[in-house]
Amino acid sequence: MTLPATQADAAARPPRIGLLDTARGLALIAMASYHFSWDMEFMGYLAPGTAETGWLKIYARAIATTFL
């Protein structure tokens, strides 16, 4: 008996790596949080230059590194 194409494809795929999926999810959350601070600065709720200086600059670089 043969499996339908979707079940055969699913059986052939290797299992997902939970730690890698978690790291990807955290990277996306981190990017969203940084961009939220950038948006807050753009709308005038944070002082100009806040998102490009200090710990937020380091945070942005660290996030970009995770995507490379």
PDB file of N, CA and C in Angstrom:
ATOM      1  N   MET A   1       0.845  -1.176   0.000  1.00  0.00           N
ATOM      2  CA  MET A   1       0.000   0.000   0.000  1.00  0.00           C
ATOM      3  C   MET A   1       0.892   1.241   0.000  1.00  0.00           C
ATOM      4  N   THR A   2       0.609   2.198  -0.861  1.00  0.00           N
ATOM      5  CA  THR A   2       1.402   3.423  -0.935  1.00  0.00           C
ATOM      6  C   THR A   2       0.685   4.541  -0.200  1.00  0.00           C
ATOM      7  N   LEU A   3       1.483   5.432   0.339  1.00  0.00           N
ATOM      8  CA  LEU A   3       0.939   6.583   1.059  1.00  0.00           C
ATOM      9  C   LEU A   3       0.612   7.699   0.070  1.00  0.00           C
ATOM     10  N   PRO A   4      -0.388   8.500   0.381  1.00  0.00           N
ATOM     11  CA  PRO A   4      -0.628   9.686  -0.455  1.00  0.00           C
ATOM     12  C   PRO A   4       0.600  10.590  -0.445  1.00  0.00           C
ATOM     13  N   ALA A   5       0.723  11.433  -1.457  1.00  0.00           N
ATOM     14  CA  ALA A   5       1.920  12.268  -1.633  1.00  0.00           C
ATOM     15  C   ALA A   5       2.240  13.104  -0.401  1.00  0.00           C
ATOM     16  N   THR A   6       1.262  13.684   0.248  1.00  0.00           N
ATOM     17  CA  THR A   6       1.549  14.545   1.403  1.00  0.00           C
ATOM     18  C   THR A   6       2.073  13.737   2.580  1.00  0.00           C
ATOM     19  N   GLN A   7       1.562  12.562   2.806  1.00  0.00           N
ATOM     20  CA  GLN A   7       2.052  11.730   3.902  1.00  0.00           C
ATOM     21  C   GLN A   7       3.435  11.198   3.586  1.00  0.00           C
ATOM     22  N   ALA A   8       3.696  10.853   2.337  1.00  0.00           N
ATOM     23  CA  ALA A   8       5.015  10.366   1.950  1.00  0.00           C
ATOM     24  C   ALA A   8       6.053  11.467   2.102  1.00  0.00           C
ATOM     25  N   ASP A   9       5.692  12.704   1.721  1.00  0.00           N
ATOM     26  CA  ASP A   9       6.609  13.836   1.873  1.00  0.00           C
ATOM     27  C   ASP A   9       6.912  14.099   3.337  1.00  0.00           C
ATOM     28  N   ALA A  10       5.895  14.025   4.178  1.00  0.00           N
ATOM     29  CA  ALA A  10       6.080  14.270   5.606  1.00  0.00           C
ATOM     30  C   ALA A  10       6.947  13.192   6.236  1.00  0.00           C
ATOM     31  N   ALA A  11       6.800  11.954   5.795  1.00  0.00           N
ATOM     32  CA  ALA A  11       7.601  10.866   6.348  1.00  0.00           C
ATOM     33  C   ALA A  11       9.057  10.973   5.909  1.00  0.00           C
ATOM     34  N   ALA A  12       9.323  11.563   4.753  1.00  0.00           N
ATOM     35  CA  ALA A  12      10.681  11.684   4.227  1.00  0.00           C
ATOM     36  C   ALA A  12      11.444  12.852   4.846  1.00  0.00           C
ATOM     37  N   ARG A  13      10.747  13.840   5.383  1.00  0.00           N
ATOM     38  CA  ARG A  13      11.402  15.010   5.974  1.00  0.00           C
ATOM     39  C   ARG A  13      12.061  14.666   7.297  1.00  0.00           C
ATOM     40  N   PRO A  14      13.236  15.253   7.553  1.00  0.00           N
ATOM     41  CA  PRO A  14      13.852  15.034   8.865  1.00  0.00           C
ATOM     42  C   PRO A  14      13.054  15.763   9.947  1.00  0.00           C
ATOM     43  N   PRO A  15      13.178  15.346  11.197  1.00  0.00           N
ATOM     44  CA  PRO A  15      12.421  16.013  12.280  1.00  0.00           C
ATOM     45  C   PRO A  15      12.919  17.440  12.496  1.00  0.00           C
ATOM     46  N   ARG A  16      12.039  18.287  13.004  1.00  0.00           N
ATOM     47  CA  ARG A  16      12.392  19.675  13.297  1.00  0.00           C
ATOM     48  C   ARG A  16      13.288  19.716  14.528  1.00  0.00           C
ATOM     49  N   ILE A  17      14.162  20.709  14.565  1.00  0.00           N
ATOM     50  CA  ILE A  17      15.057  20.900  15.707  1.00  0.00           C
ATOM     51  C   ILE A  17      14.455  22.006  16.566  1.00  0.00           C
ATOM     52  N   GLY A  18      13.939  21.621  17.722  1.00  0.00           N
ATOM     53  CA  GLY A  18      13.230  22.556  18.587  1.00  0.00           C
ATOM     54  C   GLY A  18      14.071  23.740  19.024  1.00  0.00           C
ATOM     55  N   LEU A  19      15.330  23.511  19.348  1.00  0.00           N
ATOM     56  CA  LEU A  19      16.206  24.589  19.796  1.00  0.00           C
ATOM     57  C   LEU A  19      16.416  25.616  18.685  1.00  0.00           C
ATOM     58  N   LEU A  20      16.575  25.146  17.465  1.00  0.00           N
ATOM     59  CA  LEU A  20      16.756  26.051  16.338  1.00  0.00           C
ATOM     60  C   LEU A  20      15.479  26.857  16.080  1.00  0.00           C
ATOM     61  N   ASP A  21      14.335  26.207  16.155  1.00  0.00           N
ATOM     62  CA  ASP A  21      13.062  26.917  15.987  1.00  0.00           C
ATOM     63  C   ASP A  21      12.876  27.975  17.072  1.00  0.00           C
ATOM     64  N   THR A  22      13.265  27.648  18.297  1.00  0.00           N
ATOM     65  CA  THR A  22      13.167  28.601  19.407  1.00  0.00           C
ATOM     66  C   THR A  22      14.080  29.799  19.169  1.00  0.00           C
ATOM     67  N   ALA A  23      15.310  29.537  18.707  1.00  0.00           N
ATOM     68  CA  ALA A  23      16.252  30.629  18.430  1.00  0.00           C
ATOM     69  C   ALA A  23      15.709  31.543  17.330  1.00  0.00           C
ATOM     70  N   ARG A  24      15.113  30.964  16.312  1.00  0.00           N
ATOM     71  CA  ARG A  24      14.532  31.767  15.231  1.00  0.00           C
ATOM     72  C   ARG A  24      13.377  32.623  15.746  1.00  0.00           C
ATOM     73  N   GLY A  25      12.553  32.031  16.580  1.00  0.00           N
ATOM     74  CA  GLY A  25      11.433  32.776  17.153  1.00  0.00           C
ATOM     75  C   GLY A  25      11.899  33.935  18.015  1.00  0.00           C
ATOM     76  N   LEU A  26      12.922  33.696  18.828  1.00  0.00           N
ATOM     77  CA  LEU A  26      13.473  34.765  19.667  1.00  0.00           C
ATOM     78  C   LEU A  26      14.089  35.879  18.821  1.00  0.00           C
ATOM     79  N   ALA A  27      14.747  35.504  17.729  1.00  0.00           N
ATOM     80  CA  ALA A  27      15.328  36.511  16.839  1.00  0.00           C
ATOM     81  C   ALA A  27      14.240  37.385  16.229  1.00  0.00           C
ATOM     82  N   LEU A  28      13.134  36.788  15.846  1.00  0.00           N
ATOM     83  CA  LEU A  28      12.026  37.564  15.280  1.00  0.00           C
ATOM     84  C   LEU A  28      11.397  38.490  16.325  1.00  0.00           C
ATOM     85  N   ILE A  29      11.235  37.995  17.540  1.00  0.00           N
ATOM     86  CA  ILE A  29      10.690  38.828  18.620  1.00  0.00           C
ATOM     87  C   ILE A  29      11.637  39.981  18.927  1.00  0.00           C
ATOM     88  N   ALA A  30      12.941  39.697  18.951  1.00  0.00           N
ATOM     89  CA  ALA A  30      13.934  40.739  19.210  1.00  0.00           C
ATOM     90  C   ALA A  30      13.889  41.810  18.114  1.00  0.00           C
ATOM     91  N   MET A  31      13.768  41.384  16.853  1.00  0.00           N
ATOM     92  CA  MET A  31      13.706  42.352  15.767  1.00  0.00           C
ATOM     93  C   MET A  31      12.457  43.218  15.884  1.00  0.00           C
ATOM     94  N   ALA A  32      11.349  42.596  16.209  1.00  0.00           N
ATOM     95  CA  ALA A  32      10.109  43.361  16.362  1.00  0.00           C
ATOM     96  C   ALA A  32      10.223  44.364  17.504  1.00  0.00           C
ATOM     97  N   SER A  33      10.850  43.972  18.607  1.00  0.00           N
ATOM     98  CA  SER A  33      10.981  44.887  19.747  1.00  0.00           C
ATOM     99  C   SER A  33      11.897  46.061  19.413  1.00  0.00           C
ATOM    100  N   TYR A  34      12.976  45.801  18.667  1.00  0.00           N
ATOM    101  CA  TYR A  34      13.858  46.901  18.273  1.00  0.00           C
ATOM    102  C   TYR A  34      13.129  47.861  17.337  1.00  0.00           C
ATOM    103  N   HIS A  35      12.426  47.298  16.366  1.00  0.00           N
ATOM    104  CA  HIS A  35      11.714  48.150  15.420  1.00  0.00           C
ATOM    105  C   HIS A  35      10.602  48.933  16.103  1.00  0.00           C
ATOM    106  N   PHE A  36      10.024  48.387  17.155  1.00  0.00           N
ATOM    107  CA  PHE A  36       9.036  49.134  17.930  1.00  0.00           C
ATOM    108  C   PHE A  36       9.692  50.358  18.561  1.00  0.00           C
ATOM    109  N   SER A  37      10.912  50.200  19.106  1.00  0.00           N
ATOM    110  CA  SER A  37      11.601  51.359  19.700  1.00  0.00           C
ATOM    111  C   SER A  37      11.945  52.376  18.617  1.00  0.00           C
ATOM    112  N   TRP A  38      12.312  51.895  17.429  1.00  0.00           N
ATOM    113  CA  TRP A  38      12.600  52.815  16.323  1.00  0.00           C
ATOM    114  C   TRP A  38      11.330  53.579  15.942  1.00  0.00           C
ATOM    115  N   ASP A  39      10.212  52.882  15.872  1.00  0.00           N
ATOM    116  CA  ASP A  39       8.937  53.537  15.549  1.00  0.00           C
ATOM    117  C   ASP A  39       8.559  54.563  16.607  1.00  0.00           C
ATOM    118  N   MET A  40       8.778  54.237  17.876  1.00  0.00           N
ATOM    119  CA  MET A  40       8.468  55.173  18.953  1.00  0.00           C
ATOM    120  C   MET A  40       9.314  56.437  18.826  1.00  0.00           C
ATOM    121  N   GLU A  41      10.574  56.274  18.430  1.00  0.00           N
ATOM    122  CA  GLU A  41      11.423  57.442  18.206  1.00  0.00           C
ATOM    123  C   GLU A  41      10.908  58.249  17.010  1.00  0.00           C
ATOM    124  N   PHE A  42      10.547  57.557  15.926  1.00  0.00           N
ATOM    125  CA  PHE A  42      10.057  58.226  14.715  1.00  0.00           C
ATOM    126  C   PHE A  42       8.797  59.035  14.996  1.00  0.00           C
ATOM    127  N   MET A  43       7.921  58.518  15.866  1.00  0.00           N
ATOM    128  CA  MET A  43       6.671  59.207  16.178  1.00  0.00           C
ATOM    129  C   MET A  43       6.838  60.262  17.264  1.00  0.00           C
ATOM    130  N   GLY A  44       8.042  60.402  17.820  1.00  0.00           N
ATOM    131  CA  GLY A  44       8.307  61.458  18.778  1.00  0.00           C
ATOM    132  C   GLY A  44       8.142  61.072  20.237  1.00  0.00           C
ATOM    133  N   TYR A  45       7.910  59.804  20.524  1.00  0.00           N
ATOM    134  CA  TYR A  45       7.753  59.374  21.911  1.00  0.00           C
ATOM    135  C   TYR A  45       9.085  59.119  22.605  1.00  0.00           C
ATOM    136  N   LEU A  46      10.145  58.952  21.830  1.00  0.00           N
ATOM    137  CA  LEU A  46      11.506  58.827  22.371  1.00  0.00           C
ATOM    138  C   LEU A  46      12.352  59.942  21.785  1.00  0.00           C
ATOM    139  N   ALA A  47      13.404  60.317  22.491  1.00  0.00           N
ATOM    140  CA  ALA A  47      14.281  61.390  22.026  1.00  0.00           C
ATOM    141  C   ALA A  47      14.954  60.993  20.711  1.00  0.00           C
ATOM    142  N   PRO A  48      15.176  61.965  19.820  1.00  0.00           N
ATOM    143  CA  PRO A  48      15.853  61.667  18.554  1.00  0.00           C
ATOM    144  C   PRO A  48      17.224  61.029  18.790  1.00  0.00           C
ATOM    145  N   GLY A  49      17.529  59.997  18.025  1.00  0.00           N
ATOM    146  CA  GLY A  49      18.815  59.316  18.141  1.00  0.00           C
ATOM    147  C   GLY A  49      18.833  58.175  19.140  1.00  0.00           C
ATOM    148  N   THR A  50      17.744  57.960  19.854  1.00  0.00           N
ATOM    149  CA  THR A  50      17.708  56.916  20.882  1.00  0.00           C
ATOM    150  C   THR A  50      17.965  55.535  20.293  1.00  0.00           C
ATOM    151  N   ALA A  51      17.345  55.223  19.175  1.00  0.00           N
ATOM    152  CA  ALA A  51      17.455  53.881  18.588  1.00  0.00           C
ATOM    153  C   ALA A  51      18.815  53.631  17.940  1.00  0.00           C
ATOM    154  N   GLU A  52      19.591  54.685  17.710  1.00  0.00           N
ATOM    155  CA  GLU A  52      20.890  54.526  17.048  1.00  0.00           C
ATOM    156  C   GLU A  52      22.069  54.696  17.994  1.00  0.00           C
ATOM    157  N   THR A  53      21.810  54.803  19.299  1.00  0.00           N
ATOM    158  CA  THR A  53      22.910  55.004  20.251  1.00  0.00           C
ATOM    159  C   THR A  53      22.762  54.061  21.434  1.00  0.00           C
ATOM    160  N   GLY A  54      23.835  53.952  22.190  1.00  0.00           N
ATOM    161  CA  GLY A  54      23.809  53.195  23.443  1.00  0.00           C
ATOM    162  C   GLY A  54      23.492  51.726  23.268  1.00  0.00           C
ATOM    163  N   TRP A  55      22.757  51.199  24.229  1.00  0.00           N
ATOM    164  CA  TRP A  55      22.483  49.757  24.242  1.00  0.00           C
ATOM    165  C   TRP A  55      21.582  49.336  23.095  1.00  0.00           C
ATOM    166  N   LEU A  56      20.734  50.249  22.590  1.00  0.00           N
ATOM    167  CA  LEU A  56      19.881  49.890  21.453  1.00  0.00           C
ATOM    168  C   LEU A  56      20.699  49.684  20.182  1.00  0.00           C
ATOM    169  N   LYS A  57      21.796  50.401  20.033  1.00  0.00           N
ATOM    170  CA  LYS A  57      22.670  50.196  18.875  1.00  0.00           C
ATOM    171  C   LYS A  57      23.301  48.804  18.947  1.00  0.00           C
ATOM    172  N   ILE A  58      23.759  48.424  20.126  1.00  0.00           N
ATOM    173  CA  ILE A  58      24.348  47.097  20.320  1.00  0.00           C
ATOM    174  C   ILE A  58      23.279  46.018  20.111  1.00  0.00           C
ATOM    175  N   TYR A  59      22.099  46.266  20.636  1.00  0.00           N
ATOM    176  CA  TYR A  59      20.966  45.341  20.481  1.00  0.00           C
ATOM    177  C   TYR A  59      20.648  45.130  18.998  1.00  0.00           C
ATOM    178  N   ALA A  60      20.617  46.215  18.232  1.00  0.00           N
ATOM    179  CA  ALA A  60      20.331  46.126  16.796  1.00  0.00           C
ATOM    180  C   ALA A  60      21.397  45.306  16.076  1.00  0.00           C
ATOM    181  N   ARG A  61      22.662  45.529  16.409  1.00  0.00           N
ATOM    182  CA  ARG A  61      23.749  44.782  15.772  1.00  0.00           C
ATOM    183  C   ARG A  61      23.691  43.306  16.119  1.00  0.00           C
ATOM    184  N   ALA A  62      23.351  43.008  17.366  1.00  0.00           N
ATOM    185  CA  ALA A  62      23.247  41.608  17.788  1.00  0.00           C
ATOM    186  C   ALA A  62      22.099  40.906  17.054  1.00  0.00           C
ATOM    187  N   ILE A  63      20.989  41.600  16.885  1.00  0.00           N
ATOM    188  CA  ILE A  63      19.844  41.036  16.176  1.00  0.00           C
ATOM    189  C   ILE A  63      20.230  40.790  14.709  1.00  0.00           C
ATOM    190  N   ALA A  64      20.867  41.756  14.088  1.00  0.00           N
ATOM    191  CA  ALA A  64      21.270  41.600  12.686  1.00  0.00           C
ATOM    192  C   ALA A  64      22.217  40.410  12.526  1.00  0.00           C
ATOM    193  N   THR A  65      23.080  40.203  13.492  1.00  0.00           N
ATOM    194  CA  THR A  65      24.000  39.081  13.451  1.00  0.00           C
ATOM    195  C   THR A  65      23.265  37.756  13.450  1.00  0.00           C
ATOM    196  N   THR A  66      22.171  37.656  14.192  1.00  0.00           N
ATOM    197  CA  THR A  66      21.440  36.389  14.242  1.00  0.00           C
ATOM    198  C   THR A  66      20.818  36.054  12.897  1.00  0.00           C
ATOM    199  N   PHE A  67      20.534  37.060  12.085  1.00  0.00           N
ATOM    200  CA  PHE A  67      19.936  36.808  10.775  1.00  0.00           C
ATOM    201  C   PHE A  67      20.971  36.504   9.714  1.00  0.00           C
ATOM    202  N   LEU A  68      22.241  36.775  10.004  1.00  0.00           N
ATOM    203  CA  LEU A  68      23.293  36.439   9.047  1.00  0.00           C
ATOM    204  C   LEU A  68      23.716  35.010   9.257  1.00  0.00           C
TER     205      LEU A  68
END
